[in-house]
Amino acid sequence: MGKKIGKEKIARQKGYLYYIGKDGYVWQAPMKRTKGGRKKRVGTEKITRKKGYMYYLDKAGYIAEAKMARR
């Protein structure tokens, strides 16, 4: 589906969601069931976003991009 663009591997923890913020870094946020967790920046690699692409953390732990479908 997508293409790996990141070089840094992010180790995932149970009970947390991972996303690429507006600033281009990977962030970790606790799920509702995770008590006492806080949102924090996890990665040190900054990604520059392109218009029309979706960015996510793949199963292997690397940042990937996929072209979004137009309607």
PDB file of N, CA and C in Angstrom:
ATOM      1  N   MET A   1       0.821  -1.187   0.000  1.00  0.00           N
ATOM      2  CA  MET A   1       0.000   0.000   0.000  1.00  0.00           C
ATOM      3  C   MET A   1       0.867   1.255   0.000  1.00  0.00           C
ATOM      4  N   GLY A   2       1.753   1.366   0.963  1.00  0.00           N
ATOM      5  CA  GLY A   2       2.569   2.564   1.089  1.00  0.00           C
ATOM      6  C   GLY A   2       4.046   2.277   0.847  1.00  0.00           C
ATOM      7  N   LYS A   3       4.818   3.351   0.881  1.00  0.00           N
ATOM      8  CA  LYS A   3       6.254   3.257   0.649  1.00  0.00           C
ATOM      9  C   LYS A   3       6.980   3.754   1.894  1.00  0.00           C
ATOM     10  N   LYS A   4       7.973   3.000   2.345  1.00  0.00           N
ATOM     11  CA  LYS A   4       8.752   3.363   3.533  1.00  0.00           C
ATOM     12  C   LYS A   4       9.625   4.567   3.197  1.00  0.00           C
ATOM     13  N   ILE A   5       9.533   5.611   4.029  1.00  0.00           N
ATOM     14  CA  ILE A   5      10.350   6.801   3.795  1.00  0.00           C
ATOM     15  C   ILE A   5      11.236   7.141   4.984  1.00  0.00           C
ATOM     16  N   GLY A   6      10.937   6.575   6.151  1.00  0.00           N
ATOM     17  CA  GLY A   6      11.714   6.865   7.353  1.00  0.00           C
ATOM     18  C   GLY A   6      12.886   5.923   7.524  1.00  0.00           C
ATOM     19  N   LYS A   7      13.932   6.401   8.184  1.00  0.00           N
ATOM     20  CA  LYS A   7      15.111   5.579   8.445  1.00  0.00           C
ATOM     21  C   LYS A   7      15.182   5.131   9.896  1.00  0.00           C
ATOM     22  N   GLU A   8      14.437   5.809  10.761  1.00  0.00           N
ATOM     23  CA  GLU A   8      14.463   5.517  12.186  1.00  0.00           C
ATOM     24  C   GLU A   8      13.345   4.536  12.548  1.00  0.00           C
ATOM     25  N   LYS A   9      13.676   3.490  13.318  1.00  0.00           N
ATOM     26  CA  LYS A   9      12.688   2.502  13.746  1.00  0.00           C
ATOM     27  C   LYS A   9      12.143   2.899  15.114  1.00  0.00           C
ATOM     28  N   ILE A  10      10.818   2.916  15.218  1.00  0.00           N
ATOM     29  CA  ILE A  10      10.140   3.286  16.454  1.00  0.00           C
ATOM     30  C   ILE A  10       9.621   2.015  17.116  1.00  0.00           C
ATOM     31  N   ALA A  11       9.973   1.801  18.375  1.00  0.00           N
ATOM     32  CA  ALA A  11       9.490   0.642  19.128  1.00  0.00           C
ATOM     33  C   ALA A  11       8.125   0.987  19.715  1.00  0.00           C
ATOM     34  N   ARG A  12       7.132   0.165  19.398  1.00  0.00           N
ATOM     35  CA  ARG A  12       5.777   0.407  19.880  1.00  0.00           C
ATOM     36  C   ARG A  12       5.575  -0.181  21.277  1.00  0.00           C
ATOM     37  N   GLN A  13       4.695   0.450  22.041  1.00  0.00           N
ATOM     38  CA  GLN A  13       4.300  -0.046  23.354  1.00  0.00           C
ATOM     39  C   GLN A  13       2.805  -0.310  23.326  1.00  0.00           C
ATOM     40  N   LYS A  14       2.372  -1.296  24.102  1.00  0.00           N
ATOM     41  CA  LYS A  14       0.944  -1.608  24.184  1.00  0.00           C
ATOM     42  C   LYS A  14       0.198  -0.471  24.863  1.00  0.00           C
ATOM     43  N   GLY A  15      -1.006  -0.190  24.365  1.00  0.00           N
ATOM     44  CA  GLY A  15      -1.847   0.823  24.989  1.00  0.00           C
ATOM     45  C   GLY A  15      -1.609   2.237  24.497  1.00  0.00           C
ATOM     46  N   TYR A  16      -0.836   2.411  23.432  1.00  0.00           N
ATOM     47  CA  TYR A  16      -0.548   3.738  22.903  1.00  0.00           C
ATOM     48  C   TYR A  16      -0.837   3.803  21.414  1.00  0.00           C
ATOM     49  N   LEU A  17      -1.248   4.991  20.947  1.00  0.00           N
ATOM     50  CA  LEU A  17      -1.448   5.262  19.527  1.00  0.00           C
ATOM     51  C   LEU A  17      -0.252   6.061  19.031  1.00  0.00           C
ATOM     52  N   TYR A  18       0.120   5.853  17.781  1.00  0.00           N
ATOM     53  CA  TYR A  18       1.257   6.554  17.194  1.00  0.00           C
ATOM     54  C   TYR A  18       0.795   7.297  15.953  1.00  0.00           C
ATOM     55  N   TYR A  19       1.236   8.549  15.821  1.00  0.00           N
ATOM     56  CA  TYR A  19       0.859   9.344  14.657  1.00  0.00           C
ATOM     57  C   TYR A  19       1.966  10.341  14.333  1.00  0.00           C
ATOM     58  N   ILE A  20       1.928  10.873  13.114  1.00  0.00           N
ATOM     59  CA  ILE A  20       2.887  11.877  12.688  1.00  0.00           C
ATOM     60  C   ILE A  20       2.192  13.225  12.853  1.00  0.00           C
ATOM     61  N   GLY A  21       2.724  14.068  13.707  1.00  0.00           N
ATOM     62  CA  GLY A  21       2.110  15.355  14.007  1.00  0.00           C
ATOM     63  C   GLY A  21       2.330  16.381  12.915  1.00  0.00           C
ATOM     64  N   LYS A  22       1.724  17.533  13.085  1.00  0.00           N
ATOM     65  CA  LYS A  22       1.867  18.627  12.120  1.00  0.00           C
ATOM     66  C   LYS A  22       3.303  19.114  12.030  1.00  0.00           C
ATOM     67  N   ASP A  23       4.064  18.915  13.092  1.00  0.00           N
ATOM     68  CA  ASP A  23       5.463  19.345  13.107  1.00  0.00           C
ATOM     69  C   ASP A  23       6.385  18.376  12.363  1.00  0.00           C
ATOM     70  N   GLY A  24       5.881  17.186  11.964  1.00  0.00           N
ATOM     71  CA  GLY A  24       6.667  16.233  11.202  1.00  0.00           C
ATOM     72  C   GLY A  24       7.341  15.145  12.027  1.00  0.00           C
ATOM     73  N   TYR A  25       7.140  15.144  13.338  1.00  0.00           N
ATOM     74  CA  TYR A  25       7.729  14.138  14.215  1.00  0.00           C
ATOM     75  C   TYR A  25       6.690  13.084  14.598  1.00  0.00           C
ATOM     76  N   VAL A  26       7.152  11.915  15.041  1.00  0.00           N
ATOM     77  CA  VAL A  26       6.257  10.857  15.505  1.00  0.00           C
ATOM     78  C   VAL A  26       5.901  11.129  16.958  1.00  0.00           C
ATOM     79  N   TRP A  27       4.601  11.030  17.271  1.00  0.00           N
ATOM     80  CA  TRP A  27       4.093  11.260  18.613  1.00  0.00           C
ATOM     81  C   TRP A  27       3.425  10.005  19.130  1.00  0.00           C
ATOM     82  N   GLN A  28       3.468   9.830  20.443  1.00  0.00           N
ATOM     83  CA  GLN A  28       2.850   8.698  21.132  1.00  0.00           C
ATOM     84  C   GLN A  28       1.797   9.266  22.079  1.00  0.00           C
ATOM     85  N   ALA A  29       0.552   8.770  21.958  1.00  0.00           N
ATOM     86  CA  ALA A  29      -0.536   9.230  22.824  1.00  0.00           C
ATOM     87  C   ALA A  29      -1.202   8.014  23.459  1.00  0.00           C
ATOM     88  N   PRO A  30      -1.568   8.104  24.737  1.00  0.00           N
ATOM     89  CA  PRO A  30      -2.195   6.960  25.399  1.00  0.00           C
ATOM     90  C   PRO A  30      -3.627   6.744  24.921  1.00  0.00           C
ATOM     91  N   MET A  31      -4.029   5.467  24.827  1.00  0.00           N
ATOM     92  CA  MET A  31      -5.425   5.154  24.551  1.00  0.00           C
ATOM     93  C   MET A  31      -6.220   5.454  25.818  1.00  0.00           C
ATOM     94  N   LYS A  32      -7.524   5.516  25.689  1.00  0.00           N
ATOM     95  CA  LYS A  32      -8.365   5.877  26.829  1.00  0.00           C
ATOM     96  C   LYS A  32      -8.210   4.900  27.993  1.00  0.00           C
ATOM     97  N   ARG A  33      -7.988   3.632  27.667  1.00  0.00           N
ATOM     98  CA  ARG A  33      -7.879   2.627  28.732  1.00  0.00           C
ATOM     99  C   ARG A  33      -6.526   2.666  29.443  1.00  0.00           C
ATOM    100  N   THR A  34      -5.534   3.347  28.881  1.00  0.00           N
ATOM    101  CA  THR A  34      -4.204   3.444  29.483  1.00  0.00           C
ATOM    102  C   THR A  34      -4.224   4.545  30.540  1.00  0.00           C
ATOM    103  N   LYS A  35      -4.054   4.181  31.775  1.00  0.00           N
ATOM    104  CA  LYS A  35      -4.099   5.140  32.880  1.00  0.00           C
ATOM    105  C   LYS A  35      -2.722   5.748  33.128  1.00  0.00           C
ATOM    106  N   GLY A  36      -2.691   7.041  33.350  1.00  0.00           N
ATOM    107  CA  GLY A  36      -1.458   7.721  33.734  1.00  0.00           C
ATOM    108  C   GLY A  36      -0.497   8.022  32.601  1.00  0.00           C
ATOM    109  N   GLY A  37      -0.846   7.696  31.385  1.00  0.00           N
ATOM    110  CA  GLY A  37       0.039   7.984  30.264  1.00  0.00           C
ATOM    111  C   GLY A  37      -0.100   9.425  29.798  1.00  0.00           C
ATOM    112  N   ARG A  38       0.931   9.937  29.148  1.00  0.00           N
ATOM    113  CA  ARG A  38       0.904  11.291  28.602  1.00  0.00           C
ATOM    114  C   ARG A  38       1.379  11.274  27.163  1.00  0.00           C
ATOM    115  N   LYS A  39       0.956  12.277  26.426  1.00  0.00           N
ATOM    116  CA  LYS A  39       1.388  12.431  25.041  1.00  0.00           C
ATOM    117  C   LYS A  39       2.842  12.903  25.034  1.00  0.00           C
ATOM    118  N   LYS A  40       3.670  12.298  24.169  1.00  0.00           N
ATOM    119  CA  LYS A  40       5.067  12.734  24.075  1.00  0.00           C
ATOM    120  C   LYS A  40       5.619  12.440  22.686  1.00  0.00           C
ATOM    121  N   ARG A  41       6.652  13.192  22.326  1.00  0.00           N
ATOM    122  CA  ARG A  41       7.313  12.978  21.044  1.00  0.00           C
ATOM    123  C   ARG A  41       8.251  11.794  21.182  1.00  0.00           C
ATOM    124  N   VAL A  42       8.194  10.880  20.200  1.00  0.00           N
ATOM    125  CA  VAL A  42       8.974   9.650  20.295  1.00  0.00           C
ATOM    126  C   VAL A  42      10.179   9.676  19.363  1.00  0.00           C
ATOM    127  N   GLY A  43       9.988  10.031  18.128  1.00  0.00           N
ATOM    128  CA  GLY A  43      11.064   9.975  17.141  1.00  0.00           C
ATOM    129  C   GLY A  43      11.878  11.250  17.089  1.00  0.00           C
ATOM    130  N   THR A  44      13.081  11.141  16.513  1.00  0.00           N
ATOM    131  CA  THR A  44      13.935  12.309  16.325  1.00  0.00           C
ATOM    132  C   THR A  44      14.034  12.696  14.856  1.00  0.00           C
ATOM    133  N   GLU A  45      13.469  11.872  13.987  1.00  0.00           N
ATOM    134  CA  GLU A  45      13.520  12.130  12.549  1.00  0.00           C
ATOM    135  C   GLU A  45      12.327  12.993  12.140  1.00  0.00           C
ATOM    136  N   LYS A  46      12.606  14.088  11.424  1.00  0.00           N
ATOM    137  CA  LYS A  46      11.542  14.995  10.975  1.00  0.00           C
ATOM    138  C   LYS A  46      11.195  14.686   9.523  1.00  0.00           C
ATOM    139  N   ILE A  47       9.895  14.584   9.254  1.00  0.00           N
ATOM    140  CA  ILE A  47       9.396  14.275   7.920  1.00  0.00           C
ATOM    141  C   ILE A  47       8.762  15.531   7.322  1.00  0.00           C
ATOM    142  N   THR A  48       9.090  15.846   6.078  1.00  0.00           N
ATOM    143  CA  THR A  48       8.406  16.935   5.383  1.00  0.00           C
ATOM    144  C   THR A  48       7.249  16.333   4.603  1.00  0.00           C
ATOM    145  N   ARG A  49       6.075  16.869   4.839  1.00  0.00           N
ATOM    146  CA  ARG A  49       4.865  16.323   4.231  1.00  0.00           C
ATOM    147  C   ARG A  49       4.662  16.880   2.831  1.00  0.00           C
ATOM    148  N   LYS A  50       4.073  16.036   1.967  1.00  0.00           N
ATOM    149  CA  LYS A  50       3.677  16.450   0.627  1.00  0.00           C
ATOM    150  C   LYS A  50       2.163  16.450   0.557  1.00  0.00           C
ATOM    151  N   LYS A  51       1.607  17.371  -0.206  1.00  0.00           N
ATOM    152  CA  LYS A  51       0.155  17.459  -0.355  1.00  0.00           C
ATOM    153  C   LYS A  51      -0.354  16.242  -1.118  1.00  0.00           C
ATOM    154  N   GLY A  52      -1.468  15.656  -0.639  1.00  0.00           N
ATOM    155  CA  GLY A  52      -2.073  14.512  -1.306  1.00  0.00           C
ATOM    156  C   GLY A  52      -1.554  13.170  -0.821  1.00  0.00           C
ATOM    157  N   TYR A  53      -0.740  13.156   0.241  1.00  0.00           N
ATOM    158  CA  TYR A  53      -0.201  11.916   0.785  1.00  0.00           C
ATOM    159  C   TYR A  53      -0.613  11.754   2.245  1.00  0.00           C
ATOM    160  N   MET A  54      -0.780  10.498   2.650  1.00  0.00           N
ATOM    161  CA  MET A  54      -1.089  10.160   4.040  1.00  0.00           C
ATOM    162  C   MET A  54       0.169   9.560   4.659  1.00  0.00           C
ATOM    163  N   TYR A  55       0.480   9.943   5.885  1.00  0.00           N
ATOM    164  CA  TYR A  55       1.678   9.458   6.566  1.00  0.00           C
ATOM    165  C   TYR A  55       1.277   8.666   7.798  1.00  0.00           C
ATOM    166  N   TYR A  56       1.956   7.533   8.034  1.00  0.00           N
ATOM    167  CA  TYR A  56       1.616   6.666   9.159  1.00  0.00           C
ATOM    168  C   TYR A  56       2.839   5.856   9.571  1.00  0.00           C
ATOM    169  N   LEU A  57       2.730   5.208  10.722  1.00  0.00           N
ATOM    170  CA  LEU A  57       3.775   4.321  11.231  1.00  0.00           C
ATOM    171  C   LEU A  57       3.381   2.896  10.853  1.00  0.00           C
ATOM    172  N   ASP A  58       4.191   2.228  10.041  1.00  0.00           N
ATOM    173  CA  ASP A  58       3.835   0.880   9.581  1.00  0.00           C
ATOM    174  C   ASP A  58       4.102  -0.171  10.660  1.00  0.00           C
ATOM    175  N   LYS A  59       3.768  -1.421  10.374  1.00  0.00           N
ATOM    176  CA  LYS A  59       3.903  -2.496  11.359  1.00  0.00           C
ATOM    177  C   LYS A  59       5.346  -2.733  11.778  1.00  0.00           C
ATOM    178  N   ALA A  60       6.288  -2.477  10.882  1.00  0.00           N
ATOM    179  CA  ALA A  60       7.701  -2.672  11.196  1.00  0.00           C
ATOM    180  C   ALA A  60       8.257  -1.552  12.078  1.00  0.00           C
ATOM    181  N   GLY A  61       7.536  -0.427  12.196  1.00  0.00           N
ATOM    182  CA  GLY A  61       7.979   0.671  13.044  1.00  0.00           C
ATOM    183  C   GLY A  61       8.614   1.825  12.295  1.00  0.00           C
ATOM    184  N   TYR A  62       8.499   1.846  10.969  1.00  0.00           N
ATOM    185  CA  TYR A  62       9.059   2.920  10.157  1.00  0.00           C
ATOM    186  C   TYR A  62       7.947   3.823   9.633  1.00  0.00           C
ATOM    187  N   ILE A  63       8.282   5.079   9.344  1.00  0.00           N
ATOM    188  CA  ILE A  63       7.298   6.011   8.779  1.00  0.00           C
ATOM    189  C   ILE A  63       7.118   5.673   7.307  1.00  0.00           C
ATOM    190  N   ALA A  64       5.855   5.621   6.884  1.00  0.00           N
ATOM    191  CA  ALA A  64       5.525   5.306   5.490  1.00  0.00           C
ATOM    192  C   ALA A  64       4.557   6.345   4.963  1.00  0.00           C
ATOM    193  N   GLU A  65       4.503   6.458   3.626  1.00  0.00           N
ATOM    194  CA  GLU A  65       3.561   7.370   2.987  1.00  0.00           C
ATOM    195  C   GLU A  65       2.775   6.621   1.928  1.00  0.00           C
ATOM    196  N   ALA A  66       1.530   7.050   1.739  1.00  0.00           N
ATOM    197  CA  ALA A  66       0.660   6.458   0.717  1.00  0.00           C
ATOM    198  C   ALA A  66      -0.113   7.586   0.055  1.00  0.00           C
ATOM    199  N   LYS A  67      -0.265   7.482  -1.245  1.00  0.00           N
ATOM    200  CA  LYS A  67      -1.017   8.497  -1.990  1.00  0.00           C
ATOM    201  C   LYS A  67      -2.496   8.328  -1.678  1.00  0.00           C
ATOM    202  N   MET A  68      -3.163   9.438  -1.350  1.00  0.00           N
ATOM    203  CA  MET A  68      -4.587   9.376  -1.032  1.00  0.00           C
ATOM    204  C   MET A  68      -5.409   9.354  -2.319  1.00  0.00           C
ATOM    205  N   ALA A  69      -6.508   8.625  -2.284  1.00  0.00           N
ATOM    206  CA  ALA A  69      -7.396   8.543  -3.432  1.00  0.00           C
ATOM    207  C   ALA A  69      -8.236   9.808  -3.515  1.00  0.00           C
ATOM    208  N   ARG A  70      -8.422  10.274  -4.714  1.00  0.00           N
ATOM    209  CA  ARG A  70      -9.271  11.450  -4.926  1.00  0.00           C
ATOM    210  C   ARG A  70     -10.678  10.999  -5.224  1.00  0.00           C
ATOM    211  N   ARG A  71     -11.636  11.782  -4.776  1.00  0.00           N
ATOM    212  CA  ARG A  71     -13.043  11.464  -5.036  1.00  0.00           C
ATOM    213  C   ARG A  71     -13.586  12.292  -6.155  1.00  0.00           C
TER     214      ARG A  71
END
